[in-house]
Amino acid sequence: MARLPVYKIADIPREKQLHEGRMTRYSIRTKNAQIVFADITPQPLGAQGNHRRPHDHPHDMLLIVVKGTMRMEIDGEEYDIGPGEVVDVPAFAMHRGYALGETPVSLIEIFSPVRHDYIHLVKWQQEDFGDDGVPWIKPEHKSWTPPPAE
């Protein structure tokens, strides 16, 4: 077997100024899964809430909160996910969320399969995985989130 690459998380390129300038994210993938790291600055107290419409995707997602608290709405139910807690967001479950309280949130999202709309986040990797992830929308399903521009 060829020697496996080892990466430093601190060296992964960041995508910044997302979601009203409050979110930074970065990612690494394998053949069949993708991990997305994100840091989110909360909205000011008194002005916190969902700023996005609910969306879905054809990927299972595990959301792990490392620091802070996320308020997640999943299929119409609210969940407060704190440090060391994990929530499973099944493929095609309508969801959205925001950083709750005053503490910035650090989180990890694990997707399977690899997201086509997040493939730009892993272009820095040198491995040739032979694909560009799974398309955003399956033909028989509609999503609130428009497909990404190619």
C-alpha atoms as a PDB file:
ATOM      1  CA  MET A   1       0.000   0.000   0.000  1.00  0.00           C
ATOM      2  CA  ALA A   2       1.197   3.500  -0.816  1.00  0.00           C
ATOM      3  CA  ARG A   3       1.914   5.813   2.075  1.00  0.00           C
ATOM      4  CA  LEU A   4      -1.274   7.604   3.155  1.00  0.00           C
ATOM      5  CA  PRO A   5      -1.406  11.411   3.257  1.00  0.00           C
ATOM      6  CA  VAL A   6      -1.575  13.098   6.644  1.00  0.00           C
ATOM      7  CA  TYR A   7      -3.027  16.608   6.802  1.00  0.00           C
ATOM      8  CA  LYS A   8      -2.919  19.333   9.445  1.00  0.00           C
ATOM      9  CA  ILE A   9      -6.373  20.767  10.046  1.00  0.00           C
ATOM     10  CA  ALA A  10      -4.816  24.233  10.502  1.00  0.00           C
ATOM     11  CA  ASP A  11      -3.497  24.063   6.910  1.00  0.00           C
ATOM     12  CA  ILE A  12      -6.871  23.353   5.239  1.00  0.00           C
ATOM     13  CA  PRO A  13      -7.960  26.378   3.156  1.00  0.00           C
ATOM     14  CA  ARG A  14     -10.891  28.328   4.620  1.00  0.00           C
ATOM     15  CA  GLU A  15     -13.995  29.646   2.876  1.00  0.00           C
ATOM     16  CA  LYS A  16     -14.915  32.835   4.747  1.00  0.00           C
ATOM     17  CA  GLN A  17     -17.636  35.452   4.990  1.00  0.00           C
ATOM     18  CA  LEU A  18     -20.558  33.038   4.617  1.00  0.00           C
ATOM     19  CA  HIS A  19     -24.042  33.549   6.044  1.00  0.00           C
ATOM     20  CA  GLU A  20     -23.992  37.291   6.611  1.00  0.00           C
ATOM     21  CA  GLY A  21     -20.215  37.159   7.220  1.00  0.00           C
ATOM     22  CA  ARG A  22     -20.566  35.084  10.397  1.00  0.00           C
ATOM     23  CA  MET A  23     -19.391  31.677   9.138  1.00  0.00           C
ATOM     24  CA  THR A  24     -16.070  30.170   8.063  1.00  0.00           C
ATOM     25  CA  ARG A  25     -15.898  26.579   6.802  1.00  0.00           C
ATOM     26  CA  TYR A  26     -13.325  24.119   5.517  1.00  0.00           C
ATOM     27  CA  SER A  27     -13.420  20.491   4.467  1.00  0.00           C
ATOM     28  CA  ILE A  28     -11.645  17.226   3.750  1.00  0.00           C
ATOM     29  CA  ARG A  29     -13.017  14.117   2.046  1.00  0.00           C
ATOM     30  CA  THR A  30     -12.516  10.425   1.491  1.00  0.00           C
ATOM     31  CA  LYS A  31     -13.894   8.377  -1.398  1.00  0.00           C
ATOM     32  CA  ASN A  32     -17.352   8.092   0.212  1.00  0.00           C
ATOM     33  CA  ALA A  33     -17.608  10.725   2.953  1.00  0.00           C
ATOM     34  CA  GLN A  34     -16.874  14.384   3.599  1.00  0.00           C
ATOM     35  CA  ILE A  35     -16.154  16.258   6.814  1.00  0.00           C
ATOM     36  CA  VAL A  36     -16.925  19.969   6.971  1.00  0.00           C
ATOM     37  CA  PHE A  37     -15.591  22.058   9.860  1.00  0.00           C
ATOM     38  CA  ALA A  38     -17.318  25.374  10.575  1.00  0.00           C
ATOM     39  CA  ASP A  39     -16.963  28.294  12.950  1.00  0.00           C
ATOM     40  CA  ILE A  40     -20.001  30.545  13.407  1.00  0.00           C
ATOM     41  CA  THR A  41     -20.231  33.892  15.194  1.00  0.00           C
ATOM     42  CA  PRO A  42     -23.696  34.314  16.754  1.00  0.00           C
ATOM     43  CA  GLN A  43     -26.035  37.095  15.780  1.00  0.00           C
ATOM     44  CA  PRO A  44     -26.444  39.779  18.483  1.00  0.00           C
ATOM     45  CA  LEU A  45     -28.621  38.800  21.447  1.00  0.00           C
ATOM     46  CA  GLY A  46     -32.199  39.883  20.784  1.00  0.00           C
ATOM     47  CA  ALA A  47     -31.701  39.446  17.037  1.00  0.00           C
ATOM     48  CA  GLN A  48     -30.957  35.725  16.921  1.00  0.00           C
ATOM     49  CA  GLY A  49     -32.974  33.486  14.679  1.00  0.00           C
ATOM     50  CA  ASN A  50     -33.022  31.534  11.463  1.00  0.00           C
ATOM     51  CA  HIS A  51     -31.935  33.686   8.549  1.00  0.00           C
ATOM     52  CA  ARG A  52     -32.231  30.926   5.955  1.00  0.00           C
ATOM     53  CA  ARG A  53     -35.212  29.083   4.606  1.00  0.00           C
ATOM     54  CA  PRO A  54     -35.276  25.383   5.468  1.00  0.00           C
ATOM     55  CA  HIS A  55     -33.293  23.279   3.040  1.00  0.00           C
ATOM     56  CA  ASP A  56     -32.509  19.638   2.454  1.00  0.00           C
ATOM     57  CA  HIS A  57     -29.937  17.568   0.608  1.00  0.00           C
ATOM     58  CA  PRO A  58     -29.568  13.971  -0.563  1.00  0.00           C
ATOM     59  CA  HIS A  59     -26.897  13.274   2.047  1.00  0.00           C
ATOM     60  CA  ASP A  60     -27.018  11.891   5.553  1.00  0.00           C
ATOM     61  CA  MET A  61     -25.454  14.452   7.898  1.00  0.00           C
ATOM     62  CA  LEU A  62     -24.102  14.048  11.397  1.00  0.00           C
ATOM     63  CA  LEU A  63     -23.737  17.447  13.082  1.00  0.00           C
ATOM     64  CA  ILE A  64     -21.312  17.503  16.026  1.00  0.00           C
ATOM     65  CA  VAL A  65     -21.034  20.636  18.158  1.00  0.00           C
ATOM     66  CA  VAL A  66     -17.554  21.122  19.633  1.00  0.00           C
ATOM     67  CA  LYS A  67     -18.070  24.576  21.192  1.00  0.00           C
ATOM     68  CA  GLY A  68     -21.117  26.805  21.725  1.00  0.00           C
ATOM     69  CA  THR A  69     -24.739  25.875  21.050  1.00  0.00           C
ATOM     70  CA  MET A  70     -26.590  25.432  17.768  1.00  0.00           C
ATOM     71  CA  ARG A  71     -30.357  25.742  17.575  1.00  0.00           C
ATOM     72  CA  MET A  72     -31.413  23.355  14.840  1.00  0.00           C
ATOM     73  CA  GLU A  73     -34.850  23.074  13.301  1.00  0.00           C
ATOM     74  CA  ILE A  74     -35.218  19.616  11.751  1.00  0.00           C
ATOM     75  CA  ASP A  75     -38.514  18.678  10.093  1.00  0.00           C
ATOM     76  CA  GLY A  76     -40.279  21.375  12.133  1.00  0.00           C
ATOM     77  CA  GLU A  77     -38.865  20.353  15.555  1.00  0.00           C
ATOM     78  CA  GLU A  78     -36.326  22.534  17.424  1.00  0.00           C
ATOM     79  CA  TYR A  79     -33.212  21.052  19.033  1.00  0.00           C
ATOM     80  CA  ASP A  80     -30.516  22.851  21.030  1.00  0.00           C
ATOM     81  CA  ILE A  81     -27.251  21.007  20.360  1.00  0.00           C
ATOM     82  CA  GLY A  82     -24.416  21.813  22.783  1.00  0.00           C
ATOM     83  CA  PRO A  83     -20.746  20.909  23.150  1.00  0.00           C
ATOM     84  CA  GLY A  84     -20.112  17.194  22.834  1.00  0.00           C
ATOM     85  CA  GLU A  85     -23.570  16.513  21.374  1.00  0.00           C
ATOM     86  CA  VAL A  86     -24.414  15.017  17.982  1.00  0.00           C
ATOM     87  CA  VAL A  87     -27.607  15.102  15.922  1.00  0.00           C
ATOM     88  CA  ASP A  88     -28.383  12.944  12.891  1.00  0.00           C
ATOM     89  CA  VAL A  89     -30.013  14.909  10.075  1.00  0.00           C
ATOM     90  CA  PRO A  90     -31.278  12.256   7.638  1.00  0.00           C
ATOM     91  CA  ALA A  91     -31.091  12.748   3.886  1.00  0.00           C
ATOM     92  CA  PHE A  92     -34.004  14.907   2.638  1.00  0.00           C
ATOM     93  CA  ALA A  93     -34.957  16.143   6.147  1.00  0.00           C
ATOM     94  CA  MET A  94     -35.810  19.849   5.920  1.00  0.00           C
ATOM     95  CA  HIS A  95     -33.519  21.726   8.322  1.00  0.00           C
ATOM     96  CA  ARG A  96     -31.801  24.976   9.235  1.00  0.00           C
ATOM     97  CA  GLY A  97     -29.975  26.359  12.239  1.00  0.00           C
ATOM     98  CA  TYR A  98     -28.108  29.196  13.881  1.00  0.00           C
ATOM     99  CA  ALA A  99     -25.620  29.866  16.679  1.00  0.00           C
ATOM    100  CA  LEU A 100     -27.547  30.369  19.927  1.00  0.00           C
ATOM    101  CA  GLY A 101     -26.324  32.585  22.760  1.00  0.00           C
ATOM    102  CA  GLU A 102     -23.118  34.605  22.960  1.00  0.00           C
ATOM    103  CA  THR A 103     -20.476  31.894  22.472  1.00  0.00           C
ATOM    104  CA  PRO A 104     -19.172  31.307  18.933  1.00  0.00           C
ATOM    105  CA  VAL A 105     -19.948  27.831  17.632  1.00  0.00           C
ATOM    106  CA  SER A 106     -17.402  25.353  16.328  1.00  0.00           C
ATOM    107  CA  LEU A 107     -18.956  22.335  14.670  1.00  0.00           C
ATOM    108  CA  ILE A 108     -18.227  19.359  12.484  1.00  0.00           C
ATOM    109  CA  GLU A 109     -20.598  18.061   9.815  1.00  0.00           C
ATOM    110  CA  ILE A 110     -20.047  14.591   8.392  1.00  0.00           C
ATOM    111  CA  PHE A 111     -21.739  13.864   5.062  1.00  0.00           C
ATOM    112  CA  SER A 112     -22.152  10.656   3.147  1.00  0.00           C
ATOM    113  CA  PRO A 113     -21.928  10.566   0.220  1.00  0.00           C
ATOM    114  CA  VAL A 114     -19.634  13.467  -0.744  1.00  0.00           C
ATOM    115  CA  ARG A 115     -21.522  16.687  -1.572  1.00  0.00           C
ATOM    116  CA  HIS A 116     -21.203  17.955  -5.157  1.00  0.00           C
ATOM    117  CA  ASP A 117     -22.051  21.500  -4.022  1.00  0.00           C
ATOM    118  CA  TYR A 118     -19.184  21.397  -1.492  1.00  0.00           C
ATOM    119  CA  ILE A 119     -16.629  19.857  -3.871  1.00  0.00           C
ATOM    120  CA  HIS A 120     -14.881  23.241  -4.188  1.00  0.00           C
ATOM    121  CA  LEU A 121     -13.958  22.944  -0.500  1.00  0.00           C
ATOM    122  CA  VAL A 122     -11.825  19.837  -1.157  1.00  0.00           C
ATOM    123  CA  LYS A 123     -10.151  20.798  -4.455  1.00  0.00           C
ATOM    124  CA  TRP A 124      -6.969  21.449  -2.456  1.00  0.00           C
ATOM    125  CA  GLN A 125      -6.576  17.705  -1.795  1.00  0.00           C
ATOM    126  CA  GLN A 126      -4.108  15.929  -4.057  1.00  0.00           C
ATOM    127  CA  GLU A 127      -5.911  12.566  -4.194  1.00  0.00           C
ATOM    128  CA  ASP A 128      -7.869  11.689  -7.327  1.00  0.00           C
ATOM    129  CA  PHE A 129     -11.176  10.316  -6.052  1.00  0.00           C
ATOM    130  CA  GLY A 130     -12.580   9.981  -9.573  1.00  0.00           C
ATOM    131  CA  ASP A 131     -15.774  11.953  -8.913  1.00  0.00           C
ATOM    132  CA  ASP A 132     -17.158  15.362  -8.056  1.00  0.00           C
ATOM    133  CA  GLY A 133     -19.555  14.228  -5.345  1.00  0.00           C
ATOM    134  CA  VAL A 134     -23.260  13.438  -5.558  1.00  0.00           C
ATOM    135  CA  PRO A 135     -25.518  16.012  -7.268  1.00  0.00           C
ATOM    136  CA  TRP A 136     -27.457  18.333  -4.994  1.00  0.00           C
ATOM    137  CA  ILE A 137     -30.982  17.336  -6.004  1.00  0.00           C
ATOM    138  CA  LYS A 138     -32.297  13.953  -7.048  1.00  0.00           C
ATOM    139  CA  PRO A 139     -34.591  14.336 -10.092  1.00  0.00           C
ATOM    140  CA  GLU A 140     -37.733  13.277  -8.224  1.00  0.00           C
ATOM    141  CA  HIS A 141     -37.126  15.604  -5.275  1.00  0.00           C
ATOM    142  CA  LYS A 142     -37.264  19.376  -4.959  1.00  0.00           C
ATOM    143  CA  SER A 143     -35.262  21.359  -2.422  1.00  0.00           C
ATOM    144  CA  TRP A 144     -35.733  24.847  -0.955  1.00  0.00           C
ATOM    145  CA  THR A 145     -32.083  25.498  -1.669  1.00  0.00           C
ATOM    146  CA  PRO A 146     -31.329  26.115  -5.345  1.00  0.00           C
ATOM    147  CA  PRO A 147     -28.599  23.968  -6.886  1.00  0.00           C
ATOM    148  CA  PRO A 148     -25.170  25.623  -6.933  1.00  0.00           C
ATOM    149  CA  ALA A 149     -23.985  27.474 -10.007  1.00  0.00           C
ATOM    150  CA  GLU A 150     -21.546  25.389 -12.007  1.00  0.00           C
END
